[in-house]
Protein backbone atom coordinates (compact mmCIF):
# COMPACT_ATOMS: atom_id res chain seq x y z
CA MET A 1 -45.94 29.37 -12.50
CA THR A 2 -46.38 30.01 -16.08
CA TYR A 3 -46.31 27.52 -18.76
CA PRO A 4 -45.15 27.58 -22.24
CA GLU A 5 -47.25 28.22 -25.05
CA PRO A 6 -48.68 24.84 -26.95
CA GLY A 7 -46.05 23.77 -29.96
CA SER A 8 -43.53 26.24 -28.11
CA GLU A 9 -40.34 23.92 -26.53
CA PRO A 10 -40.14 23.34 -22.91
CA THR A 11 -37.63 25.72 -21.03
CA THR A 12 -35.41 24.21 -18.22
CA PRO A 13 -36.02 25.82 -15.10
CA SER A 14 -33.43 28.06 -14.15
CA THR A 15 -31.57 27.28 -10.29
CA GLY A 16 -33.72 29.77 -8.71
CA GLU A 17 -37.21 28.05 -10.50
CA LEU A 18 -36.80 24.71 -8.93
CA ALA A 19 -40.48 23.79 -8.65
CA LEU A 20 -41.76 24.55 -5.12
CA GLU A 21 -43.36 21.77 -4.14
CA ASP A 22 -40.44 19.99 -4.52
CA ARG A 23 -38.62 22.29 -2.52
CA SER A 24 -40.72 22.39 0.18
CA ALA A 25 -40.82 18.25 1.41
CA LEU A 26 -38.85 15.28 1.44
CA ARG A 27 -39.83 13.14 -1.05
CA ARG A 28 -40.52 9.64 -0.07
CA VAL A 29 -39.10 6.83 -2.56
CA ALA A 30 -41.67 3.92 -2.74
CA GLY A 31 -40.52 0.24 -2.90
CA LEU A 32 -37.12 0.56 -0.36
CA SER A 33 -38.03 -0.71 2.86
CA THR A 34 -36.74 -3.82 3.25
CA GLU A 35 -38.36 -4.44 6.88
CA LEU A 36 -39.52 -7.62 7.17
CA THR A 37 -42.64 -9.40 7.64
CA ASP A 38 -41.68 -12.57 9.69
CA VAL A 39 -41.64 -11.29 13.20
CA SER A 40 -39.98 -14.16 14.55
CA GLU A 41 -36.93 -13.29 12.02
CA VAL A 42 -37.55 -9.52 12.66
CA GLU A 43 -36.52 -10.46 16.33
CA TYR A 44 -33.33 -12.04 14.99
CA ARG A 45 -32.19 -9.30 12.47
CA ARG A 46 -32.82 -6.63 15.18
CA LEU A 47 -29.94 -7.95 17.10
CA ARG A 48 -27.75 -8.13 14.10
CA LEU A 49 -28.38 -5.62 11.55
CA GLU A 50 -28.63 -1.77 11.65
CA ARG A 51 -32.25 -0.32 10.84
CA VAL A 52 -31.61 2.63 8.59
CA VAL A 53 -33.57 5.55 6.70
CA LEU A 54 -31.78 6.71 3.81
CA VAL A 55 -31.88 10.49 2.07
CA GLY A 56 -30.21 11.99 -0.52
CA VAL A 57 -30.37 15.49 -2.36
CA TRP A 58 -31.39 16.08 -5.64
CA THR A 59 -29.55 18.70 -7.43
CA GLU A 60 -29.30 17.58 -11.33
CA GLY A 61 -30.85 15.47 -13.50
CA SER A 62 -34.17 14.42 -13.55
CA ALA A 63 -36.53 12.80 -10.48
CA ALA A 64 -35.96 9.25 -12.00
CA ASP A 65 -32.46 9.76 -11.77
CA ALA A 66 -32.88 10.61 -8.10
CA GLU A 67 -34.95 8.02 -7.42
CA ALA A 68 -32.29 5.55 -9.15
CA SER A 69 -29.67 6.70 -7.24
CA LEU A 70 -31.35 6.24 -4.10
CA ALA A 71 -32.35 2.61 -4.66
CA GLU A 72 -28.87 1.68 -5.45
CA LEU A 73 -27.88 3.20 -2.10
CA ALA A 74 -30.53 1.24 -0.64
CA ARG A 75 -28.76 -1.93 -2.18
CA LEU A 76 -25.79 -0.64 -1.03
CA ALA A 77 -27.18 -0.44 2.73
CA GLU A 78 -28.21 -4.34 2.42
CA THR A 79 -25.53 -5.91 0.79
CA ALA A 80 -23.47 -3.84 4.01
CA GLY A 81 -26.34 -6.01 6.01
CA SER A 82 -28.84 -2.92 6.87
CA GLN A 83 -32.43 -2.95 6.77
CA VAL A 84 -33.74 -0.12 5.14
CA LEU A 85 -36.96 1.67 6.74
CA GLU A 86 -37.49 4.56 4.54
CA GLY A 87 -35.65 6.62 1.53
CA LEU A 88 -36.33 10.28 1.28
CA ILE A 89 -35.04 12.72 -1.51
CA GLN A 90 -34.67 16.68 -0.65
CA ARG A 91 -34.90 18.84 -3.81
CA ARG A 92 -32.31 21.63 -3.42
CA ASP A 93 -30.03 23.19 -6.04
CA ARG A 94 -26.69 22.46 -3.78
CA PRO A 95 -26.38 20.46 -1.02
CA ASP A 96 -26.83 22.59 2.76
CA PRO A 97 -23.19 23.16 3.59
CA ALA A 98 -24.27 23.00 7.39
CA THR A 99 -26.47 20.05 7.46
CA TYR A 100 -26.69 18.56 4.00
CA ILE A 101 -30.39 18.99 3.43
CA GLY A 102 -31.07 22.42 5.35
CA SER A 103 -32.03 22.25 9.10
CA GLY A 104 -35.79 22.47 8.63
CA LYS A 105 -35.29 19.32 6.87
CA ALA A 106 -33.00 17.77 9.33
CA GLU A 107 -35.64 18.32 12.07
CA GLU A 108 -38.33 16.23 10.11
CA LEU A 109 -35.60 13.84 9.38
CA ARG A 110 -35.42 13.33 13.01
CA ARG A 111 -39.23 13.15 13.40
CA ILE A 112 -39.21 10.54 10.67
CA VAL A 113 -36.36 8.71 12.56
CA GLU A 114 -38.17 8.44 16.12
CA ALA A 115 -41.20 7.20 14.13
CA THR A 116 -39.36 4.26 12.42
CA GLY A 117 -37.14 3.39 14.97
CA ALA A 118 -34.04 3.73 12.96
CA ASP A 119 -30.55 3.79 14.75
CA THR A 120 -28.87 5.37 11.28
CA VAL A 121 -29.22 7.70 8.78
CA ILE A 122 -27.30 7.14 5.61
CA CYS A 123 -26.94 9.86 3.37
CA ASP A 124 -26.44 9.59 -0.77
CA GLY A 125 -23.21 11.71 -0.86
CA GLU A 126 -19.88 12.07 0.73
CA LEU A 127 -20.26 14.63 3.63
CA SER A 128 -17.31 17.01 5.12
CA PRO A 129 -16.72 16.33 8.58
CA ALA A 130 -19.09 19.36 9.78
CA GLN A 131 -21.88 18.19 8.28
CA LEU A 132 -21.75 14.70 9.38
CA THR A 133 -21.23 16.33 12.80
CA ALA A 134 -24.32 19.01 12.47
CA LEU A 135 -26.45 16.17 11.45
CA GLU A 136 -26.07 14.02 13.89
CA LYS A 137 -26.99 16.09 16.59
CA VAL A 138 -30.07 17.21 15.21
CA VAL A 139 -31.42 13.69 14.58
CA LYS A 140 -29.64 12.13 17.50
CA VAL A 141 -28.62 8.89 15.75
CA LYS A 142 -25.20 8.34 13.50
CA VAL A 143 -25.29 9.93 10.83
CA ILE A 144 -22.86 8.01 7.49
CA ASP A 145 -22.55 9.01 4.19
CA ARG A 146 -22.07 7.14 0.68
CA THR A 147 -18.20 6.52 0.84
CA ALA A 148 -18.40 5.40 4.35
CA LEU A 149 -20.86 2.88 3.42
CA ILE A 150 -18.88 1.66 0.58
CA LEU A 151 -15.88 1.30 2.34
CA ASP A 152 -17.65 -0.69 5.08
CA ILE A 153 -18.62 -3.25 2.29
CA PHE A 154 -15.02 -3.64 1.06
CA ALA A 155 -14.14 -4.10 4.02
CA GLN A 156 -16.46 -7.34 4.40
CA HIS A 157 -15.61 -8.76 1.48
CA ALA A 158 -11.42 -8.49 1.21
CA SER A 159 -10.16 -11.39 1.70
CA SER A 160 -6.27 -11.37 0.61
CA LYS A 161 -4.02 -9.85 2.24
CA GLU A 162 -3.73 -7.61 -0.33
CA GLY A 163 -7.27 -6.76 -0.66
CA LYS A 164 -7.76 -6.12 3.37
CA ALA A 165 -4.55 -3.83 3.46
CA GLN A 166 -5.41 -1.68 0.46
CA VAL A 167 -9.44 -1.55 1.85
CA GLU A 168 -7.81 -0.43 5.34
CA LEU A 169 -5.81 2.21 3.99
CA ALA A 170 -8.49 3.53 1.91
CA GLN A 171 -10.75 3.59 5.89
CA LEU A 172 -7.93 5.22 7.45
CA GLU A 173 -7.58 8.02 4.69
CA TYR A 174 -11.25 8.66 4.95
CA MET A 175 -11.26 8.41 8.58
CA LEU A 176 -8.41 10.83 9.59
CA PRO A 177 -10.29 14.20 8.58
CA ARG A 178 -13.34 12.97 10.37
CA LEU A 179 -12.25 12.08 13.82
CA ARG A 180 -14.35 13.53 16.46
CA GLY A 181 -14.50 13.32 19.94
CA TRP A 182 -16.51 14.59 23.02
CA GLY A 183 -15.54 16.54 26.60
CA GLU A 184 -12.83 14.69 28.59
CA SER A 185 -11.69 12.32 25.63
CA MET A 186 -10.46 15.36 23.82
CA SER A 187 -8.89 16.90 26.94
CA ARG A 188 -5.23 17.28 27.28
CA GLN A 189 -3.61 14.08 28.45
CA ALA A 190 -1.09 15.94 30.87
CA GLY A 191 -0.58 19.39 32.24
CA GLY A 192 1.23 22.29 32.15
CA ARG A 193 -0.09 25.57 31.81
CA ALA A 194 -2.06 24.78 28.53
CA GLY A 195 -3.25 21.65 31.06
CA GLY A 196 -4.70 24.59 33.46
CA SER A 197 -4.01 25.34 37.08
CA GLY A 198 -5.06 22.15 38.48
CA GLY A 199 -1.86 20.62 36.87
CA GLY A 200 1.47 20.72 38.98
CA VAL A 201 4.63 18.66 39.45
CA GLY A 202 4.11 15.30 38.30
CA LEU A 203 1.40 16.10 35.93
CA ARG A 204 3.02 18.42 33.40
CA GLY A 205 4.11 16.27 29.97
CA PRO A 206 3.68 16.68 26.07
CA GLY A 207 0.39 18.03 26.32
CA GLU A 208 -0.79 15.81 23.40
CA THR A 209 -4.65 15.64 23.34
CA LYS A 210 -6.07 12.21 22.60
CA ILE A 211 -7.46 12.94 19.19
CA GLU A 212 -4.07 14.23 18.27
CA THR A 213 -2.83 10.41 19.52
CA ASP A 214 -5.17 8.98 17.30
CA ARG A 215 -4.29 10.75 14.42
CA ARG A 216 -0.44 9.96 15.00
CA ARG A 217 -1.31 6.27 15.03
CA ILE A 218 -3.69 6.84 12.43
CA ARG A 219 -0.57 8.12 10.11
CA GLU A 220 1.97 5.75 11.40
CA ARG A 221 -0.42 2.73 10.64
CA MET A 222 -1.38 4.08 7.12
CA ALA A 223 2.60 4.40 6.47
CA LYS A 224 2.82 0.96 7.10
CA LEU A 225 0.10 0.04 5.08
CA ARG A 226 1.57 1.64 1.72
CA ARG A 227 4.85 -0.01 2.48
CA GLU A 228 3.26 -3.71 2.50
CA ILE A 229 0.87 -2.68 -0.56
CA LYS A 230 3.89 -1.49 -2.20
CA GLU A 231 5.71 -4.84 -1.61
CA MET A 232 2.86 -6.91 -2.58
CA ARG A 233 2.60 -4.64 -5.71
CA LYS A 234 5.66 -5.97 -7.06
CA VAL A 235 4.72 -9.69 -7.28
CA ARG A 236 1.56 -8.49 -9.18
CA ASP A 237 4.27 -6.70 -11.46
CA THR A 238 6.34 -9.52 -11.86
CA GLN A 239 3.63 -12.10 -12.77
CA ARG A 240 2.25 -9.12 -15.36
CA SER A 241 5.99 -8.91 -16.72
CA ARG A 242 5.95 -12.30 -17.29
CA ARG A 243 2.30 -12.47 -19.41
CA ARG A 244 3.81 -9.80 -21.27
CA GLU A 245 6.72 -11.69 -22.04
CA SER A 246 5.05 -14.81 -22.75
CA ASP A 247 3.39 -12.56 -25.60
CA VAL A 248 -0.47 -14.19 -24.85
CA ALA A 249 -2.86 -11.81 -25.25
CA SER A 250 -4.14 -9.91 -21.85
CA ILE A 251 -7.63 -9.16 -21.34
CA ALA A 252 -9.25 -7.27 -18.57
CA ILE A 253 -13.16 -7.59 -17.65
CA VAL A 254 -13.92 -4.00 -16.57
CA GLY A 255 -17.87 -3.10 -15.44
CA TYR A 256 -19.99 -1.88 -12.91
CA THR A 257 -20.49 -4.03 -9.90
CA ASN A 258 -23.16 -6.58 -10.13
CA ALA A 259 -22.99 -6.55 -13.98
CA GLY A 260 -22.17 -10.02 -14.28
CA LYS A 261 -18.16 -9.91 -14.93
CA SER A 262 -17.64 -13.08 -13.12
CA SER A 263 -20.57 -14.97 -14.86
CA LEU A 264 -19.00 -13.94 -17.95
CA LEU A 265 -15.18 -15.01 -17.14
CA ASN A 266 -16.51 -18.32 -16.13
CA ALA A 267 -18.37 -18.39 -19.26
CA LEU A 268 -15.24 -17.85 -21.34
CA THR A 269 -12.91 -19.81 -19.48
CA GLY A 270 -14.79 -21.98 -17.63
CA ALA A 271 -13.10 -20.83 -14.55
CA GLY A 272 -15.59 -21.73 -11.62
CA VAL A 273 -15.14 -18.52 -10.04
CA LEU A 274 -17.77 -17.64 -7.45
CA VAL A 275 -20.90 -15.67 -8.97
CA GLU A 276 -23.10 -13.72 -6.64
CA ASP A 277 -25.79 -11.74 -6.91
CA ALA A 278 -24.37 -9.22 -4.82
CA LEU A 279 -22.45 -5.99 -4.67
CA PHE A 280 -18.99 -5.78 -4.82
CA ALA A 281 -18.84 -9.41 -4.70
CA THR A 282 -15.70 -9.64 -6.36
CA LEU A 283 -12.48 -7.63 -5.05
CA GLU A 284 -9.44 -9.72 -5.68
CA PRO A 285 -8.55 -10.11 -9.60
CA THR A 286 -8.88 -13.68 -11.16
CA THR A 287 -7.02 -14.38 -13.93
CA ARG A 288 -7.92 -17.52 -16.22
CA ARG A 289 -6.64 -18.51 -19.48
CA GLY A 290 -8.92 -18.89 -22.89
CA GLN A 291 -8.50 -19.78 -26.10
CA PHE A 292 -9.88 -17.90 -29.30
CA GLY A 293 -11.70 -19.77 -32.12
CA ASP A 294 -8.39 -20.25 -34.00
CA GLY A 295 -6.65 -21.81 -30.94
CA ARG A 296 -4.79 -18.68 -30.05
CA PRO A 297 -4.32 -18.43 -26.10
CA PHE A 298 -5.52 -15.15 -24.39
CA VAL A 299 -5.31 -14.27 -19.95
CA LEU A 300 -8.66 -12.65 -18.98
CA THR A 301 -8.59 -11.11 -15.47
CA ASP A 302 -11.67 -10.24 -13.43
CA THR A 303 -11.59 -6.74 -12.03
CA VAL A 304 -12.68 -5.22 -8.79
CA GLY A 305 -16.46 -3.38 -9.85
CA PHE A 306 -16.93 0.15 -10.37
CA VAL A 307 -20.18 2.21 -8.69
CA ARG A 308 -21.02 6.00 -9.40
CA HIS A 309 -19.16 8.37 -7.23
CA LEU A 310 -16.40 5.53 -6.17
CA PRO A 311 -14.67 7.07 -3.44
CA THR A 312 -11.53 8.31 -4.26
CA GLN A 313 -9.59 6.98 -1.32
CA LEU A 314 -10.53 3.20 -3.00
CA VAL A 315 -8.98 4.50 -6.46
CA GLU A 316 -5.91 5.28 -4.48
CA ALA A 317 -5.60 2.15 -2.86
CA PHE A 318 -6.78 -0.02 -5.51
CA ARG A 319 -4.54 1.30 -8.14
CA SER A 320 -2.27 -1.66 -8.08
CA THR A 321 -5.43 -3.62 -8.89
CA LEU A 322 -6.43 -1.25 -11.14
CA GLU A 323 -3.58 -1.72 -13.38
CA GLU A 324 -4.50 -4.55 -14.79
CA VAL A 325 -6.47 -2.39 -16.83
CA VAL A 326 -3.60 -0.51 -18.24
CA ASP A 327 -1.22 -3.40 -19.39
CA ALA A 328 -4.49 -5.15 -21.05
CA ASP A 329 -4.34 -5.46 -25.19
CA LEU A 330 -8.40 -5.21 -24.67
CA LEU A 331 -10.95 -3.92 -22.18
CA VAL A 332 -14.30 -6.00 -22.24
CA HIS A 333 -16.44 -3.71 -20.54
CA VAL A 334 -19.53 -5.83 -19.38
CA VAL A 335 -22.68 -3.75 -18.84
CA ASP A 336 -26.27 -5.06 -17.01
CA GLY A 337 -28.30 -4.72 -19.72
CA SER A 338 -31.59 -4.95 -16.98
CA ASP A 339 -30.24 -2.11 -15.28
CA ALA A 340 -32.85 0.94 -15.36
CA ASN A 341 -29.97 3.25 -16.54
CA PRO A 342 -27.20 1.42 -18.17
CA LEU A 343 -25.66 4.62 -20.01
CA ALA A 344 -25.03 6.13 -16.85
CA GLN A 345 -23.30 2.73 -15.47
CA ILE A 346 -20.99 3.14 -18.57
CA SER A 347 -20.11 6.76 -17.76
CA ALA A 348 -19.32 6.09 -14.62
CA VAL A 349 -16.75 3.10 -15.34
CA ARG A 350 -15.10 5.04 -17.82
CA ALA A 351 -14.47 8.18 -15.69
CA VAL A 352 -12.70 5.83 -13.34
CA ILE A 353 -10.87 3.91 -16.01
CA ASP A 354 -9.66 7.60 -17.61
CA GLU A 355 -8.72 8.46 -14.14
CA VAL A 356 -6.26 5.50 -13.94
CA ILE A 357 -5.17 5.64 -17.58
CA ARG A 358 -3.99 9.34 -17.26
CA ASP A 359 -2.39 8.84 -14.04
CA HIS A 360 -0.10 6.23 -15.76
CA ARG A 361 0.11 7.97 -18.92
CA ALA A 362 -0.74 5.28 -20.95
CA LYS A 363 -2.05 4.46 -24.40
CA PRO A 364 -5.64 3.38 -23.75
CA ALA A 365 -6.67 0.19 -24.82
CA PRO A 366 -9.38 -0.62 -27.35
CA GLU A 367 -12.50 -0.74 -25.21
CA LEU A 368 -15.47 -3.74 -26.63
CA LEU A 369 -18.62 -3.13 -24.79
CA VAL A 370 -20.75 -6.34 -23.84
CA VAL A 371 -24.13 -5.29 -22.88
CA ASN A 372 -24.71 -8.86 -20.49
CA LYS A 373 -28.26 -9.83 -18.81
CA ILE A 374 -29.97 -9.86 -21.89
CA ASP A 375 -32.09 -12.68 -20.99
CA ALA A 376 -33.30 -10.41 -18.20
CA ALA A 377 -33.86 -7.27 -19.89
CA ASP A 378 -37.33 -6.28 -21.74
CA GLU A 379 -37.67 -6.01 -25.55
CA LEU A 380 -38.12 -2.51 -25.35
CA THR A 381 -34.60 -1.76 -23.15
CA LEU A 382 -32.61 -3.75 -25.46
CA THR A 383 -34.19 -2.04 -28.55
CA GLN A 384 -32.98 1.37 -27.52
CA LEU A 385 -29.68 -0.19 -26.13
CA ARG A 386 -28.68 -1.47 -29.92
CA ARG A 387 -29.52 1.86 -31.12
CA ALA A 388 -27.34 4.07 -28.64
CA LEU A 389 -24.54 1.17 -28.63
CA PRO A 390 -24.26 -0.20 -32.04
CA ASP A 391 -21.02 -1.42 -32.03
CA ALA A 392 -21.89 -3.50 -28.44
CA VAL A 393 -22.06 -6.97 -28.45
CA PHE A 394 -25.25 -8.21 -26.67
CA VAL A 395 -24.77 -11.66 -24.54
CA SER A 396 -26.29 -13.61 -21.81
CA ALA A 397 -23.71 -15.27 -19.84
CA ARG A 398 -26.46 -17.16 -17.72
CA THR A 399 -27.60 -18.86 -20.82
CA GLY A 400 -24.63 -18.67 -23.41
CA GLU A 401 -26.98 -16.40 -25.97
CA GLY A 402 -24.40 -14.23 -28.11
CA LEU A 403 -20.88 -15.46 -26.34
CA ASP A 404 -19.55 -17.11 -30.02
CA ARG A 405 -20.04 -13.48 -31.24
CA LEU A 406 -18.49 -11.96 -28.48
CA GLN A 407 -15.55 -14.37 -28.59
CA ALA A 408 -15.46 -13.53 -32.49
CA ARG A 409 -15.07 -9.92 -31.86
CA MET A 410 -12.38 -10.25 -29.23
CA ALA A 411 -10.18 -12.21 -31.48
CA GLU A 412 -10.92 -9.69 -33.87
CA LEU A 413 -9.71 -6.85 -31.64
CA VAL A 414 -6.61 -8.51 -30.79
CA PRO A 415 -4.77 -9.12 -34.07
CA PRO A 416 -2.38 -12.06 -33.92
CA SER A 417 1.45 -11.27 -32.53
CA ASP A 418 2.55 -14.79 -33.54
CA THR A 419 5.38 -15.68 -35.93
CA VAL A 420 5.34 -18.31 -38.23
CA VAL A 421 8.48 -20.45 -38.19
CA ASP A 422 9.73 -23.49 -40.10
CA VAL A 423 12.76 -25.00 -38.03
CA THR A 424 14.64 -28.24 -37.32
CA ILE A 425 15.60 -28.53 -33.56
CA PRO A 426 18.45 -31.13 -32.73
CA TYR A 427 17.34 -33.93 -30.85
CA HIS A 428 19.21 -33.00 -28.10
CA ARG A 429 16.92 -29.54 -27.56
CA GLY A 430 14.11 -31.29 -26.52
CA ASP A 431 13.37 -28.37 -24.23
CA LEU A 432 12.75 -25.97 -27.26
CA VAL A 433 10.06 -28.52 -28.96
CA SER A 434 8.12 -28.67 -25.34
CA LYS A 435 8.17 -24.64 -25.44
CA VAL A 436 6.97 -24.95 -28.93
CA HIS A 437 4.07 -27.10 -28.18
CA ALA A 438 3.34 -25.30 -24.86
CA ASP A 439 3.52 -21.71 -26.43
CA GLY A 440 3.00 -21.93 -29.89
CA ARG A 441 0.19 -23.85 -32.47
CA VAL A 442 2.14 -26.48 -34.21
CA ASP A 443 0.96 -27.11 -38.10
CA LEU A 444 3.25 -29.93 -38.85
CA THR A 445 5.79 -31.95 -37.20
CA GLU A 446 8.50 -34.44 -38.75
CA HIS A 447 11.50 -36.16 -37.74
CA THR A 448 14.60 -35.80 -39.92
CA PRO A 449 18.23 -37.12 -39.58
CA ASP A 450 18.79 -33.61 -38.29
CA GLY A 451 16.38 -33.44 -35.87
CA THR A 452 12.56 -32.68 -35.14
CA ARG A 453 11.20 -30.30 -38.02
CA ILE A 454 8.33 -28.07 -36.88
CA LYS A 455 6.04 -25.60 -38.56
CA ALA A 456 4.12 -23.72 -36.35
CA ARG A 457 2.95 -20.02 -34.98
CA VAL A 458 4.71 -18.53 -31.73
CA PRO A 459 5.36 -15.87 -29.93
CA ALA A 460 7.74 -13.18 -31.05
CA PRO A 461 10.32 -13.87 -28.17
CA LEU A 462 10.45 -17.84 -28.94
CA ALA A 463 10.67 -17.14 -32.73
CA ALA A 464 13.94 -15.29 -31.92
CA ALA A 465 15.50 -17.90 -29.90
CA LEU A 466 14.68 -20.47 -32.77
CA ARG A 467 15.94 -18.50 -35.18
CA GLU A 468 19.34 -20.25 -35.45
CA TYR A 469 17.47 -23.41 -36.32
CA ALA A 470 15.33 -22.16 -39.50
CA THR A 471 15.11 -24.65 -41.95
CA PHE A 472 16.35 -23.20 -45.71
């Protein structure tokens, strides 16, 4: 190995120059084991939790990036209810097309699985059906990938009818090309020539294999789910159209999973939404009403959290939910300031948002970056973030620090769309007086012989309805 001359610029090794020591062994990632020390609790949890070994392939970036990705996978596994025993990283220029980590390292992984007593291997990436099958044959335990793990977490957390249907559709889309079977279960159900010479009269039939039957049933179920989601989407579209007609500003909270979006929603609106220190605790959009400092109302919607390499099946299934992003007047992008790599979180979230907006050919809404959890972040990290994100607002939803500044910035980025009116409404149109008080901001009210005179700021549609009563 050659080293650069003192004072010269370091050079980035090419693909073929990866460090030999990194390629020759699986790197153990310290601190990922969640094995319990209380023996009585271990015996109880062994009945409920899968014991897993994590394995990732480090193809680009630094070792710290690779370890951060595996640490996130460990959190995902724990959220799904698993017990992490080991975390391993293999340095390669690209994943092995056969077994993801290569045949030699797969054998090494099998020995680690046997030594730890693990019953599942979770890979930090999306594996092809062939890779899953080949790796399972070597390690002799169940193998799943990052996509299947995230889908499983969504399935556990979905509570509404729409959420459950969206998750099930995503799971079926993932499962369809990965159906596998063994031995007789994949043989033809009825004879004919293709069924072999043992068939005969009474045994011939359509010759559909079990896996073909499963695929047909999955496709039928997917078609039914798509119809149901389409019907539920109409309800959500109606709700959004009513909000647009009311001319109330619509603000969507977006961000990485567990960045503190629900906490921020509660802090800004007093919503009382469930807050949990867990990945994907929020799957159902929650909309609450708030008020700017100048009295203008707005609606704030808490959306589903994102994650690096969010499965495309989920983006597709949750499209009706993510459309809250398309219709928003402002995106409040929440970032976890205490995370090891908050800038990577920002990139992952923006990638998903860009995809949704591109699909709808919509004009992107203004984005306000909000660095949350500053009470839990160290000063050095915050200093670096302030330099990297000069336009961001730094807050703590837990302590309330910075919330006044955040509300002021939100009001600046959502300009008033109200119209000033000076009208005298006849006394028999009390319904209009009530609507002005409900939807507008009243500055003056007085009773005259001709009716109720009101000076107020009201949404444009209401101003149009009041035009005939204008005071001259």
